[in-house]
Amino acid sequence: MIVRYERPYSYAAHWARRIARIAFIIFLLSLLSHRFGPLTTPHFLAMALAAGALALFAVVLATIGLARLWQVAAIGGTASVSALIYAALPLCFLGYGAVQYLTRPALYEVSTDTVTPPPWIRTPATAETWLGRKRAVAPEDRQAQVEAYPGLTGRRYEGALDRVFQGVRKVVEHTRVATTAEFGVDNAQADLEDLAVRPEAGADANAGPNVIPVPTARPAQLLDGGMPGRRSSDVVLQGEWRSLIVGFRFDVLIRLREEAETTFVDLRVASRYGRHDLGMGAMFAEEFLRDLDAELLGIAGD
């Protein structure tokens, strides 16, 4: 008489695969809708957390299925492995975010000028959501930024304002920053009148110094209405940047200031939502400044 062993069926493994597929689909659709569609960041994060909870539950069921496979050779090994693969995407996304949240300072804004940050041309619009929001950046937040990102400082270039402004424009396009407001762009235009030679008719080439014009102070050096962090001689660009894969929104401000024979560039980056930017603001600022250094290679100062 032949005894045929029938393998038990692991319901946990097969349910794990079904739940993991649902979690994968929810996360993928919400990600695409957030990156290319109308879904806002708070709603996307809520759906991502829901997908992560389902994926975690699927992992528990898949673990039970694998244990049953090891103990009694229960059918469901393939289903358990499939469940782990489907659950990997939402869990890796949330896991990376959790690591950044715990290892990076709780900042939603960074600035290369921590003493007098450049003011916004248009105050970024933020809405109250379940993510919460601080009303203003406190001095202790600026100190936390200095300690966490000591290399995030402004750049001084040994070049005229118009030359540096051209480089900034190129980097803005390269880093996919959509310009939304401008201030003082006319200050970056080359002052051709200062370069023109206009000798008077019949003037002697050996004329005395009485024909030398007396330099006068430009009114552009005055403060712009007394606003801290901005002069009327500055050039300021404001725009919006979105992270490449997920599409998180950040407001960006770039200030150019001519000082003597040099031009100083400052950067301000703020997350649109939440109290924590997961270090992405500083990462973007450092990348922008590296690209600007490469663009203006040869005229960077100390």
C-alpha atoms as a PDB file:
ATOM      1  CA  MET A   1       0.000   0.000   0.000  1.00  0.00           C
ATOM      2  CA  ILE A   2       1.425   3.362  -1.077  1.00  0.00           C
ATOM      3  CA  VAL A   3       1.184   6.180   1.419  1.00  0.00           C
ATOM      4  CA  ARG A   4       1.003   9.561  -0.310  1.00  0.00           C
ATOM      5  CA  TYR A   5       1.884  12.607   1.783  1.00  0.00           C
ATOM      6  CA  GLU A   6      -0.275  15.624   1.081  1.00  0.00           C
ATOM      7  CA  ARG A   7       1.333  18.960   1.837  1.00  0.00           C
ATOM      8  CA  PRO A   8      -0.679  21.367   3.949  1.00  0.00           C
ATOM      9  CA  TYR A   9      -1.803  24.686   2.446  1.00  0.00           C
ATOM     10  CA  SER A  10      -0.497  27.948   3.973  1.00  0.00           C
ATOM     11  CA  TYR A  11      -3.307  30.463   3.956  1.00  0.00           C
ATOM     12  CA  ALA A  12      -1.015  33.021   5.618  1.00  0.00           C
ATOM     13  CA  ALA A  13       1.403  32.971   2.674  1.00  0.00           C
ATOM     14  CA  HIS A  14      -1.289  33.432   0.060  1.00  0.00           C
ATOM     15  CA  TRP A  15      -3.018  36.193   1.978  1.00  0.00           C
ATOM     16  CA  ALA A  16       0.367  37.857   2.396  1.00  0.00           C
ATOM     17  CA  ARG A  17       0.780  38.012  -1.381  1.00  0.00           C
ATOM     18  CA  ARG A  18      -2.679  39.498  -1.881  1.00  0.00           C
ATOM     19  CA  ILE A  19      -2.195  42.173   0.782  1.00  0.00           C
ATOM     20  CA  ALA A  20       1.327  43.019  -0.426  1.00  0.00           C
ATOM     21  CA  ARG A  21       0.007  43.528  -3.964  1.00  0.00           C
ATOM     22  CA  ILE A  22      -2.647  45.904  -2.684  1.00  0.00           C
ATOM     23  CA  ALA A  23      -0.019  47.848  -0.708  1.00  0.00           C
ATOM     24  CA  PHE A  24       2.262  48.019  -3.754  1.00  0.00           C
ATOM     25  CA  ILE A  25      -0.534  49.293  -6.008  1.00  0.00           C
ATOM     26  CA  ILE A  26      -1.672  51.917  -3.476  1.00  0.00           C
ATOM     27  CA  PHE A  27       1.851  53.222  -3.026  1.00  0.00           C
ATOM     28  CA  LEU A  28       2.699  53.251  -6.736  1.00  0.00           C
ATOM     29  CA  LEU A  29      -0.504  55.026  -7.768  1.00  0.00           C
ATOM     30  CA  SER A  30      -0.167  57.616  -5.009  1.00  0.00           C
ATOM     31  CA  LEU A  31       3.473  58.207  -5.951  1.00  0.00           C
ATOM     32  CA  LEU A  32       2.648  58.767  -9.619  1.00  0.00           C
ATOM     33  CA  SER A  33      -0.320  60.977  -8.744  1.00  0.00           C
ATOM     34  CA  HIS A  34       1.859  63.059  -6.439  1.00  0.00           C
ATOM     35  CA  ARG A  35       4.743  63.392  -8.897  1.00  0.00           C
ATOM     36  CA  PHE A  36       2.739  64.010 -12.047  1.00  0.00           C
ATOM     37  CA  GLY A  37      -0.812  64.633 -10.834  1.00  0.00           C
ATOM     38  CA  PRO A  38      -2.814  66.765  -8.403  1.00  0.00           C
ATOM     39  CA  LEU A  39      -2.192  64.766  -5.211  1.00  0.00           C
ATOM     40  CA  THR A  40      -0.722  66.994  -2.483  1.00  0.00           C
ATOM     41  CA  THR A  41       2.156  65.989  -0.233  1.00  0.00           C
ATOM     42  CA  PRO A  42       0.071  65.497   2.959  1.00  0.00           C
ATOM     43  CA  HIS A  43      -2.350  63.194   1.141  1.00  0.00           C
ATOM     44  CA  PHE A  44       0.498  61.305  -0.506  1.00  0.00           C
ATOM     45  CA  LEU A  45       2.236  60.707   2.817  1.00  0.00           C
ATOM     46  CA  ALA A  46      -1.031  59.529   4.384  1.00  0.00           C
ATOM     47  CA  MET A  47      -1.515  57.003   1.597  1.00  0.00           C
ATOM     48  CA  ALA A  48       2.129  55.952   1.790  1.00  0.00           C
ATOM     49  CA  LEU A  49       1.756  55.273   5.514  1.00  0.00           C
ATOM     50  CA  ALA A  50      -1.363  53.225   4.848  1.00  0.00           C
ATOM     51  CA  ALA A  51       0.475  51.247   2.177  1.00  0.00           C
ATOM     52  CA  GLY A  52       3.378  50.758   4.561  1.00  0.00           C
ATOM     53  CA  ALA A  53       1.074  49.395   7.271  1.00  0.00           C
ATOM     54  CA  LEU A  54      -0.435  46.901   4.819  1.00  0.00           C
ATOM     55  CA  ALA A  55       3.022  45.937   3.579  1.00  0.00           C
ATOM     56  CA  LEU A  56       4.241  45.363   7.132  1.00  0.00           C
ATOM     57  CA  PHE A  57       1.251  43.137   7.867  1.00  0.00           C
ATOM     58  CA  ALA A  58       1.973  41.221   4.658  1.00  0.00           C
ATOM     59  CA  VAL A  59       5.570  40.681   5.770  1.00  0.00           C
ATOM     60  CA  VAL A  60       4.360  39.182   9.042  1.00  0.00           C
ATOM     61  CA  LEU A  61       2.062  36.780   7.170  1.00  0.00           C
ATOM     62  CA  ALA A  62       4.837  35.929   4.709  1.00  0.00           C
ATOM     63  CA  THR A  63       7.157  35.128   7.598  1.00  0.00           C
ATOM     64  CA  ILE A  64       4.539  32.764   8.992  1.00  0.00           C
ATOM     65  CA  GLY A  65       4.227  31.145   5.552  1.00  0.00           C
ATOM     66  CA  LEU A  66       7.988  30.623   5.302  1.00  0.00           C
ATOM     67  CA  ALA A  67       8.056  29.179   8.803  1.00  0.00           C
ATOM     68  CA  ARG A  68       5.288  26.734   7.874  1.00  0.00           C
ATOM     69  CA  LEU A  69       7.227  25.811   4.746  1.00  0.00           C
ATOM     70  CA  TRP A  70      10.286  25.018   6.860  1.00  0.00           C
ATOM     71  CA  GLN A  71       8.421  23.094   9.540  1.00  0.00           C
ATOM     72  CA  VAL A  72       5.854  21.038   7.617  1.00  0.00           C
ATOM     73  CA  ALA A  73       6.631  21.835   3.946  1.00  0.00           C
ATOM     74  CA  ALA A  74       3.393  23.800   3.605  1.00  0.00           C
ATOM     75  CA  ILE A  75       2.498  25.084   0.152  1.00  0.00           C
ATOM     76  CA  GLY A  76       3.119  28.826  -0.051  1.00  0.00           C
ATOM     77  CA  GLY A  77       6.851  29.420  -0.387  1.00  0.00           C
ATOM     78  CA  THR A  78       6.494  31.196  -3.730  1.00  0.00           C
ATOM     79  CA  ALA A  79       3.614  33.297  -2.427  1.00  0.00           C
ATOM     80  CA  SER A  80       5.650  34.328   0.612  1.00  0.00           C
ATOM     81  CA  VAL A  81       8.626  35.399  -1.495  1.00  0.00           C
ATOM     82  CA  SER A  82       6.334  37.348  -3.850  1.00  0.00           C
ATOM     83  CA  ALA A  83       4.775  39.096  -0.879  1.00  0.00           C
ATOM     84  CA  LEU A  84       8.208  40.184   0.366  1.00  0.00           C
ATOM     85  CA  ILE A  85       9.099  41.560  -3.066  1.00  0.00           C
ATOM     86  CA  TYR A  86       5.846  43.547  -3.372  1.00  0.00           C
ATOM     87  CA  ALA A  87       6.209  44.901   0.164  1.00  0.00           C
ATOM     88  CA  ALA A  88       9.807  46.029  -0.379  1.00  0.00           C
ATOM     89  CA  LEU A  89       8.994  49.275  -2.232  1.00  0.00           C
ATOM     90  CA  PRO A  90       6.684  50.984   0.311  1.00  0.00           C
ATOM     91  CA  LEU A  91       8.704  49.684   3.275  1.00  0.00           C
ATOM     92  CA  CYS A  92      12.042  50.844   1.829  1.00  0.00           C
ATOM     93  CA  PHE A  93      10.590  54.274   1.106  1.00  0.00           C
ATOM     94  CA  LEU A  94       9.228  54.678   4.637  1.00  0.00           C
ATOM     95  CA  GLY A  95      12.358  53.147   6.145  1.00  0.00           C
ATOM     96  CA  TYR A  96      14.619  55.627   4.373  1.00  0.00           C
ATOM     97  CA  GLY A  97      12.379  58.487   5.471  1.00  0.00           C
ATOM     98  CA  ALA A  98      12.460  57.262   9.082  1.00  0.00           C
ATOM     99  CA  VAL A  99      16.273  57.113   9.056  1.00  0.00           C
ATOM    100  CA  GLN A 100      16.505  60.654   7.672  1.00  0.00           C
ATOM    101  CA  TYR A 101      13.951  61.869  10.194  1.00  0.00           C
ATOM    102  CA  LEU A 102      15.932  60.455  13.113  1.00  0.00           C
ATOM    103  CA  THR A 103      19.438  61.382  11.921  1.00  0.00           C
ATOM    104  CA  ARG A 104      18.820  64.857  10.469  1.00  0.00           C
ATOM    105  CA  PRO A 105      17.906  67.970  12.488  1.00  0.00           C
ATOM    106  CA  ALA A 106      14.226  68.914  12.610  1.00  0.00           C
ATOM    107  CA  LEU A 107      14.470  71.792  10.121  1.00  0.00           C
ATOM    108  CA  TYR A 108      12.135  72.761   7.325  1.00  0.00           C
ATOM    109  CA  GLU A 109      14.301  75.666   6.106  1.00  0.00           C
ATOM    110  CA  VAL A 110      18.025  76.241   5.575  1.00  0.00           C
ATOM    111  CA  SER A 111      19.930  79.353   4.546  1.00  0.00           C
ATOM    112  CA  THR A 112      23.558  80.089   3.740  1.00  0.00           C
ATOM    113  CA  ASP A 113      23.146  83.372   5.633  1.00  0.00           C
ATOM    114  CA  THR A 114      22.064  82.345   9.123  1.00  0.00           C
ATOM    115  CA  VAL A 115      22.393  85.862  10.554  1.00  0.00           C
ATOM    116  CA  THR A 116      20.212  87.786   8.087  1.00  0.00           C
ATOM    117  CA  PRO A 117      18.553  85.350   5.682  1.00  0.00           C
ATOM    118  CA  PRO A 118      17.430  86.895   2.391  1.00  0.00           C
ATOM    119  CA  PRO A 119      13.713  87.752   2.618  1.00  0.00           C
ATOM    120  CA  TRP A 120      11.210  86.195   0.262  1.00  0.00           C
ATOM    121  CA  ILE A 121       9.935  88.259  -2.625  1.00  0.00           C
ATOM    122  CA  ARG A 122       6.591  86.495  -2.267  1.00  0.00           C
ATOM    123  CA  THR A 123       5.915  84.715   0.990  1.00  0.00           C
ATOM    124  CA  PRO A 124       5.475  80.990   0.211  1.00  0.00           C
ATOM    125  CA  ALA A 125       1.916  79.788   0.647  1.00  0.00           C
ATOM    126  CA  THR A 126       1.577  77.001   3.216  1.00  0.00           C
ATOM    127  CA  ALA A 127      -1.587  75.342   4.469  1.00  0.00           C
ATOM    128  CA  GLU A 128      -2.286  73.810   7.854  1.00  0.00           C
ATOM    129  CA  THR A 129      -2.293  70.023   7.503  1.00  0.00           C
ATOM    130  CA  TRP A 130      -1.884  66.997   9.712  1.00  0.00           C
ATOM    131  CA  LEU A 131       1.878  67.338   9.179  1.00  0.00           C
ATOM    132  CA  GLY A 132       1.952  70.497  11.331  1.00  0.00           C
ATOM    133  CA  ARG A 133       4.135  73.531  10.825  1.00  0.00           C
ATOM    134  CA  LYS A 134       6.280  75.912  12.849  1.00  0.00           C
ATOM    135  CA  ARG A 135       5.294  79.545  12.434  1.00  0.00           C
ATOM    136  CA  ALA A 136       8.821  80.944  12.170  1.00  0.00           C
ATOM    137  CA  VAL A 137      12.419  79.776  12.169  1.00  0.00           C
ATOM    138  CA  ALA A 138      13.956  80.384  15.596  1.00  0.00           C
ATOM    139  CA  PRO A 139      17.626  81.207  16.340  1.00  0.00           C
ATOM    140  CA  GLU A 140      18.105  77.730  17.797  1.00  0.00           C
ATOM    141  CA  ASP A 141      17.048  76.305  14.436  1.00  0.00           C
ATOM    142  CA  ARG A 142      19.754  78.333  12.701  1.00  0.00           C
ATOM    143  CA  GLN A 143      22.281  77.087  15.251  1.00  0.00           C
ATOM    144  CA  ALA A 144      21.183  73.504  14.643  1.00  0.00           C
ATOM    145  CA  GLN A 145      21.728  74.071  10.929  1.00  0.00           C
ATOM    146  CA  VAL A 146      25.268  75.368  11.495  1.00  0.00           C
ATOM    147  CA  GLU A 147      26.114  72.323  13.600  1.00  0.00           C
ATOM    148  CA  ALA A 148      24.556  69.836  11.183  1.00  0.00           C
ATOM    149  CA  TYR A 149      25.731  71.447   7.917  1.00  0.00           C
ATOM    150  CA  PRO A 150      28.902  73.448   8.653  1.00  0.00           C
ATOM    151  CA  GLY A 151      29.854  73.560   4.978  1.00  0.00           C
ATOM    152  CA  LEU A 152      26.598  75.192   3.891  1.00  0.00           C
ATOM    153  CA  THR A 153      27.813  78.769   3.414  1.00  0.00           C
ATOM    154  CA  GLY A 154      27.524  81.457   0.761  1.00  0.00           C
ATOM    155  CA  ARG A 155      29.905  81.789  -2.164  1.00  0.00           C
ATOM    156  CA  ARG A 156      32.086  84.756  -3.089  1.00  0.00           C
ATOM    157  CA  TYR A 157      33.181  85.075  -6.697  1.00  0.00           C
ATOM    158  CA  GLU A 158      35.850  87.345  -8.149  1.00  0.00           C
ATOM    159  CA  GLY A 159      33.585  88.549 -10.900  1.00  0.00           C
ATOM    160  CA  ALA A 160      31.103  91.238 -11.838  1.00  0.00           C
ATOM    161  CA  LEU A 161      27.456  90.913 -10.916  1.00  0.00           C
ATOM    162  CA  ASP A 162      26.293  90.375 -14.505  1.00  0.00           C
ATOM    163  CA  ARG A 163      28.807  87.553 -15.081  1.00  0.00           C
ATOM    164  CA  VAL A 164      27.805  85.694 -11.919  1.00  0.00           C
ATOM    165  CA  PHE A 165      24.132  86.248 -12.695  1.00  0.00           C
ATOM    166  CA  GLN A 166      24.546  84.497 -16.048  1.00  0.00           C
ATOM    167  CA  GLY A 167      26.075  81.513 -14.269  1.00  0.00           C
ATOM    168  CA  VAL A 168      23.239  81.447 -11.752  1.00  0.00           C
ATOM    169  CA  ARG A 169      20.688  81.441 -14.578  1.00  0.00           C
ATOM    170  CA  LYS A 170      22.327  78.391 -16.139  1.00  0.00           C
ATOM    171  CA  VAL A 171      22.428  76.494 -12.850  1.00  0.00           C
ATOM    172  CA  VAL A 172      18.783  77.378 -12.176  1.00  0.00           C
ATOM    173  CA  GLU A 173      17.825  75.741 -15.463  1.00  0.00           C
ATOM    174  CA  HIS A 174      20.096  72.754 -14.832  1.00  0.00           C
ATOM    175  CA  THR A 175      18.637  72.055 -11.378  1.00  0.00           C
ATOM    176  CA  ARG A 176      15.031  72.377 -12.617  1.00  0.00           C
ATOM    177  CA  VAL A 177      14.114  75.433 -10.536  1.00  0.00           C
ATOM    178  CA  ALA A 178      11.024  77.142 -11.923  1.00  0.00           C
ATOM    179  CA  THR A 179      11.395  80.896 -11.408  1.00  0.00           C
ATOM    180  CA  THR A 180       8.293  82.499  -9.883  1.00  0.00           C
ATOM    181  CA  ALA A 181       9.504  86.006  -8.927  1.00  0.00           C
ATOM    182  CA  GLU A 182      12.436  88.330  -9.575  1.00  0.00           C
ATOM    183  CA  PHE A 183      13.850  91.439  -7.937  1.00  0.00           C
ATOM    184  CA  GLY A 184      16.539  93.829  -9.164  1.00  0.00           C
ATOM    185  CA  VAL A 185      17.346  91.909 -12.357  1.00  0.00           C
ATOM    186  CA  ASP A 186      18.132  95.209 -14.082  1.00  0.00           C
ATOM    187  CA  ASN A 187      21.080  95.588 -11.700  1.00  0.00           C
ATOM    188  CA  ALA A 188      22.761  92.644 -13.429  1.00  0.00           C
ATOM    189  CA  GLN A 189      22.720  94.256 -16.853  1.00  0.00           C
ATOM    190  CA  ALA A 190      26.133  95.313 -18.067  1.00  0.00           C
ATOM    191  CA  ASP A 191      26.590  99.032 -17.546  1.00  0.00           C
ATOM    192  CA  LEU A 192      27.677  99.909 -21.052  1.00  0.00           C
ATOM    193  CA  GLU A 193      27.569 103.613 -20.342  1.00  0.00           C
ATOM    194  CA  ASP A 194      30.464 103.229 -17.928  1.00  0.00           C
ATOM    195  CA  LEU A 195      32.491 101.519 -20.669  1.00  0.00           C
ATOM    196  CA  ALA A 196      31.716 103.972 -23.478  1.00  0.00           C
ATOM    197  CA  VAL A 197      34.362 106.488 -24.457  1.00  0.00           C
ATOM    198  CA  ARG A 198      32.816 109.846 -25.224  1.00  0.00           C
ATOM    199  CA  PRO A 199      35.584 112.376 -25.964  1.00  0.00           C
ATOM    200  CA  GLU A 200      34.426 115.916 -26.453  1.00  0.00           C
ATOM    201  CA  ALA A 201      34.839 117.494 -29.876  1.00  0.00           C
ATOM    202  CA  GLY A 202      38.094 119.422 -30.288  1.00  0.00           C
ATOM    203  CA  ALA A 203      39.415 118.339 -26.931  1.00  0.00           C
ATOM    204  CA  ASP A 204      43.153 118.280 -26.571  1.00  0.00           C
ATOM    205  CA  ALA A 205      44.668 114.843 -25.969  1.00  0.00           C
ATOM    206  CA  ASN A 206      46.924 116.421 -23.336  1.00  0.00           C
ATOM    207  CA  ALA A 207      44.038 118.097 -21.534  1.00  0.00           C
ATOM    208  CA  GLY A 208      44.397 118.506 -17.821  1.00  0.00           C
ATOM    209  CA  PRO A 209      42.610 116.603 -15.084  1.00  0.00           C
ATOM    210  CA  ASN A 210      39.753 119.093 -15.073  1.00  0.00           C
ATOM    211  CA  VAL A 211      37.830 116.859 -17.539  1.00  0.00           C
ATOM    212  CA  ILE A 212      37.824 113.830 -15.213  1.00  0.00           C
ATOM    213  CA  PRO A 213      34.270 113.242 -13.960  1.00  0.00           C
ATOM    214  CA  VAL A 214      33.708 113.120 -10.241  1.00  0.00           C
ATOM    215  CA  PRO A 215      32.219 109.747  -9.211  1.00  0.00           C
ATOM    216  CA  THR A 216      28.901 109.919  -7.391  1.00  0.00           C
ATOM    217  CA  ALA A 217      27.220 107.334  -5.237  1.00  0.00           C
ATOM    218  CA  ARG A 218      24.523 105.333  -6.949  1.00  0.00           C
ATOM    219  CA  PRO A 219      21.072 105.413  -5.370  1.00  0.00           C
ATOM    220  CA  ALA A 220      20.979 101.628  -5.857  1.00  0.00           C
ATOM    221  CA  GLN A 221      23.194 101.247  -2.814  1.00  0.00           C
ATOM    222  CA  LEU A 222      20.397 102.361  -0.532  1.00  0.00           C
ATOM    223  CA  LEU A 223      18.478  99.801   1.482  1.00  0.00           C
ATOM    224  CA  ASP A 224      15.247  98.585  -0.062  1.00  0.00           C
ATOM    225  CA  GLY A 225      12.791 100.233   2.258  1.00  0.00           C
ATOM    226  CA  GLY A 226      14.887  99.273   5.261  1.00  0.00           C
ATOM    227  CA  MET A 227      14.115  95.548   4.784  1.00  0.00           C
ATOM    228  CA  PRO A 228      16.747  93.443   6.548  1.00  0.00           C
ATOM    229  CA  GLY A 229      18.627  91.157   4.228  1.00  0.00           C
ATOM    230  CA  ARG A 230      17.937  93.031   0.980  1.00  0.00           C
ATOM    231  CA  ARG A 231      19.386  96.046  -0.763  1.00  0.00           C
ATOM    232  CA  SER A 232      18.026  97.722  -3.846  1.00  0.00           C
ATOM    233  CA  SER A 233      21.330  96.881  -5.554  1.00  0.00           C
ATOM    234  CA  ASP A 234      20.797  93.141  -4.966  1.00  0.00           C
ATOM    235  CA  VAL A 235      19.563  90.679  -7.540  1.00  0.00           C
ATOM    236  CA  VAL A 236      17.080  88.157  -6.122  1.00  0.00           C
ATOM    237  CA  LEU A 237      15.479  85.166  -7.796  1.00  0.00           C
ATOM    238  CA  GLN A 238      12.704  83.121  -6.224  1.00  0.00           C
ATOM    239  CA  GLY A 239      11.483  79.812  -7.562  1.00  0.00           C
ATOM    240  CA  GLU A 240      10.115  76.367  -6.868  1.00  0.00           C
ATOM    241  CA  TRP A 241      12.053  73.107  -6.945  1.00  0.00           C
ATOM    242  CA  ARG A 242      10.638  69.586  -6.900  1.00  0.00           C
ATOM    243  CA  SER A 243      12.603  66.476  -5.984  1.00  0.00           C
ATOM    244  CA  LEU A 244      13.234  64.303  -9.011  1.00  0.00           C
ATOM    245  CA  ILE A 245      11.528  61.018  -8.051  1.00  0.00           C
ATOM    246  CA  VAL A 246       8.909  61.784  -5.407  1.00  0.00           C
ATOM    247  CA  GLY A 247       8.180  65.410  -6.321  1.00  0.00           C
ATOM    248  CA  PHE A 248       8.408  67.075  -2.900  1.00  0.00           C
ATOM    249  CA  ARG A 249       8.016  70.848  -3.280  1.00  0.00           C
ATOM    250  CA  PHE A 250      10.585  73.371  -2.026  1.00  0.00           C
ATOM    251  CA  ASP A 251      10.715  77.157  -2.275  1.00  0.00           C
ATOM    252  CA  VAL A 252      14.117  78.519  -3.306  1.00  0.00           C
ATOM    253  CA  LEU A 253      15.535  82.037  -3.004  1.00  0.00           C
ATOM    254  CA  ILE A 254      18.860  83.128  -4.538  1.00  0.00           C
ATOM    255  CA  ARG A 255      20.423  86.460  -3.612  1.00  0.00           C
ATOM    256  CA  LEU A 256      23.331  88.045  -5.480  1.00  0.00           C
ATOM    257  CA  ARG A 257      25.106  91.001  -3.891  1.00  0.00           C
ATOM    258  CA  GLU A 258      27.989  92.961  -5.377  1.00  0.00           C
ATOM    259  CA  GLU A 259      30.664  93.881  -2.831  1.00  0.00           C
ATOM    260  CA  ALA A 260      33.670  95.849  -4.055  1.00  0.00           C
ATOM    261  CA  GLU A 261      35.147  93.763  -6.904  1.00  0.00           C
ATOM    262  CA  THR A 262      33.354  90.548  -5.925  1.00  0.00           C
ATOM    263  CA  THR A 263      29.848  89.096  -5.995  1.00  0.00           C
ATOM    264  CA  PHE A 264      28.412  87.177  -3.055  1.00  0.00           C
ATOM    265  CA  VAL A 265      25.726  84.520  -3.603  1.00  0.00           C
ATOM    266  CA  ASP A 266      23.373  83.324  -0.848  1.00  0.00           C
ATOM    267  CA  LEU A 267      20.736  80.622  -0.963  1.00  0.00           C
ATOM    268  CA  ARG A 268      17.578  79.946   1.034  1.00  0.00           C
ATOM    269  CA  VAL A 269      15.584  76.714   0.709  1.00  0.00           C
ATOM    270  CA  ALA A 270      12.321  75.919   2.521  1.00  0.00           C
ATOM    271  CA  SER A 271      10.097  72.852   2.422  1.00  0.00           C
ATOM    272  CA  ARG A 272       6.504  73.566   1.426  1.00  0.00           C
ATOM    273  CA  TYR A 273       4.964  71.173   3.978  1.00  0.00           C
ATOM    274  CA  GLY A 274       5.756  69.827   7.418  1.00  0.00           C
ATOM    275  CA  ARG A 275       8.306  70.586  10.123  1.00  0.00           C
ATOM    276  CA  HIS A 276      11.064  68.346   8.777  1.00  0.00           C
ATOM    277  CA  ASP A 277      12.598  68.371   5.295  1.00  0.00           C
ATOM    278  CA  LEU A 278      14.515  65.103   5.896  1.00  0.00           C
ATOM    279  CA  GLY A 279      17.748  66.876   4.937  1.00  0.00           C
ATOM    280  CA  MET A 280      16.624  67.425   1.330  1.00  0.00           C
ATOM    281  CA  GLY A 281      16.818  71.225   1.588  1.00  0.00           C
ATOM    282  CA  ALA A 282      20.489  71.178   2.559  1.00  0.00           C
ATOM    283  CA  MET A 283      21.200  68.484  -0.020  1.00  0.00           C
ATOM    284  CA  PHE A 284      19.700  70.623  -2.788  1.00  0.00           C
ATOM    285  CA  ALA A 285      21.528  73.759  -1.609  1.00  0.00           C
ATOM    286  CA  GLU A 286      24.880  71.964  -1.577  1.00  0.00           C
ATOM    287  CA  GLU A 287      24.246  70.517  -5.036  1.00  0.00           C
ATOM    288  CA  PHE A 288      23.237  73.930  -6.382  1.00  0.00           C
ATOM    289  CA  LEU A 289      26.360  75.597  -4.998  1.00  0.00           C
ATOM    290  CA  ARG A 290      28.618  72.834  -6.349  1.00  0.00           C
ATOM    291  CA  ASP A 291      27.117  73.290  -9.805  1.00  0.00           C
ATOM    292  CA  LEU A 292      27.554  77.048  -9.507  1.00  0.00           C
ATOM    293  CA  ASP A 293      31.214  76.610  -8.526  1.00  0.00           C
ATOM    294  CA  ALA A 294      31.713  74.420 -11.594  1.00  0.00           C
ATOM    295  CA  GLU A 295      29.932  76.928 -13.836  1.00  0.00           C
ATOM    296  CA  LEU A 296      32.006  79.845 -12.526  1.00  0.00           C
ATOM    297  CA  LEU A 297      35.230  77.863 -12.306  1.00  0.00           C
ATOM    298  CA  GLY A 298      38.188  80.214 -12.245  1.00  0.00           C
ATOM    299  CA  ILE A 299      36.550  83.218 -10.596  1.00  0.00           C
ATOM    300  CA  ALA A 300      35.661  81.694  -7.206  1.00  0.00           C
ATOM    301  CA  GLY A 301      37.136  83.566  -4.259  1.00  0.00           C
ATOM    302  CA  ASP A 302      37.762  82.593  -0.667  1.00  0.00           C
END
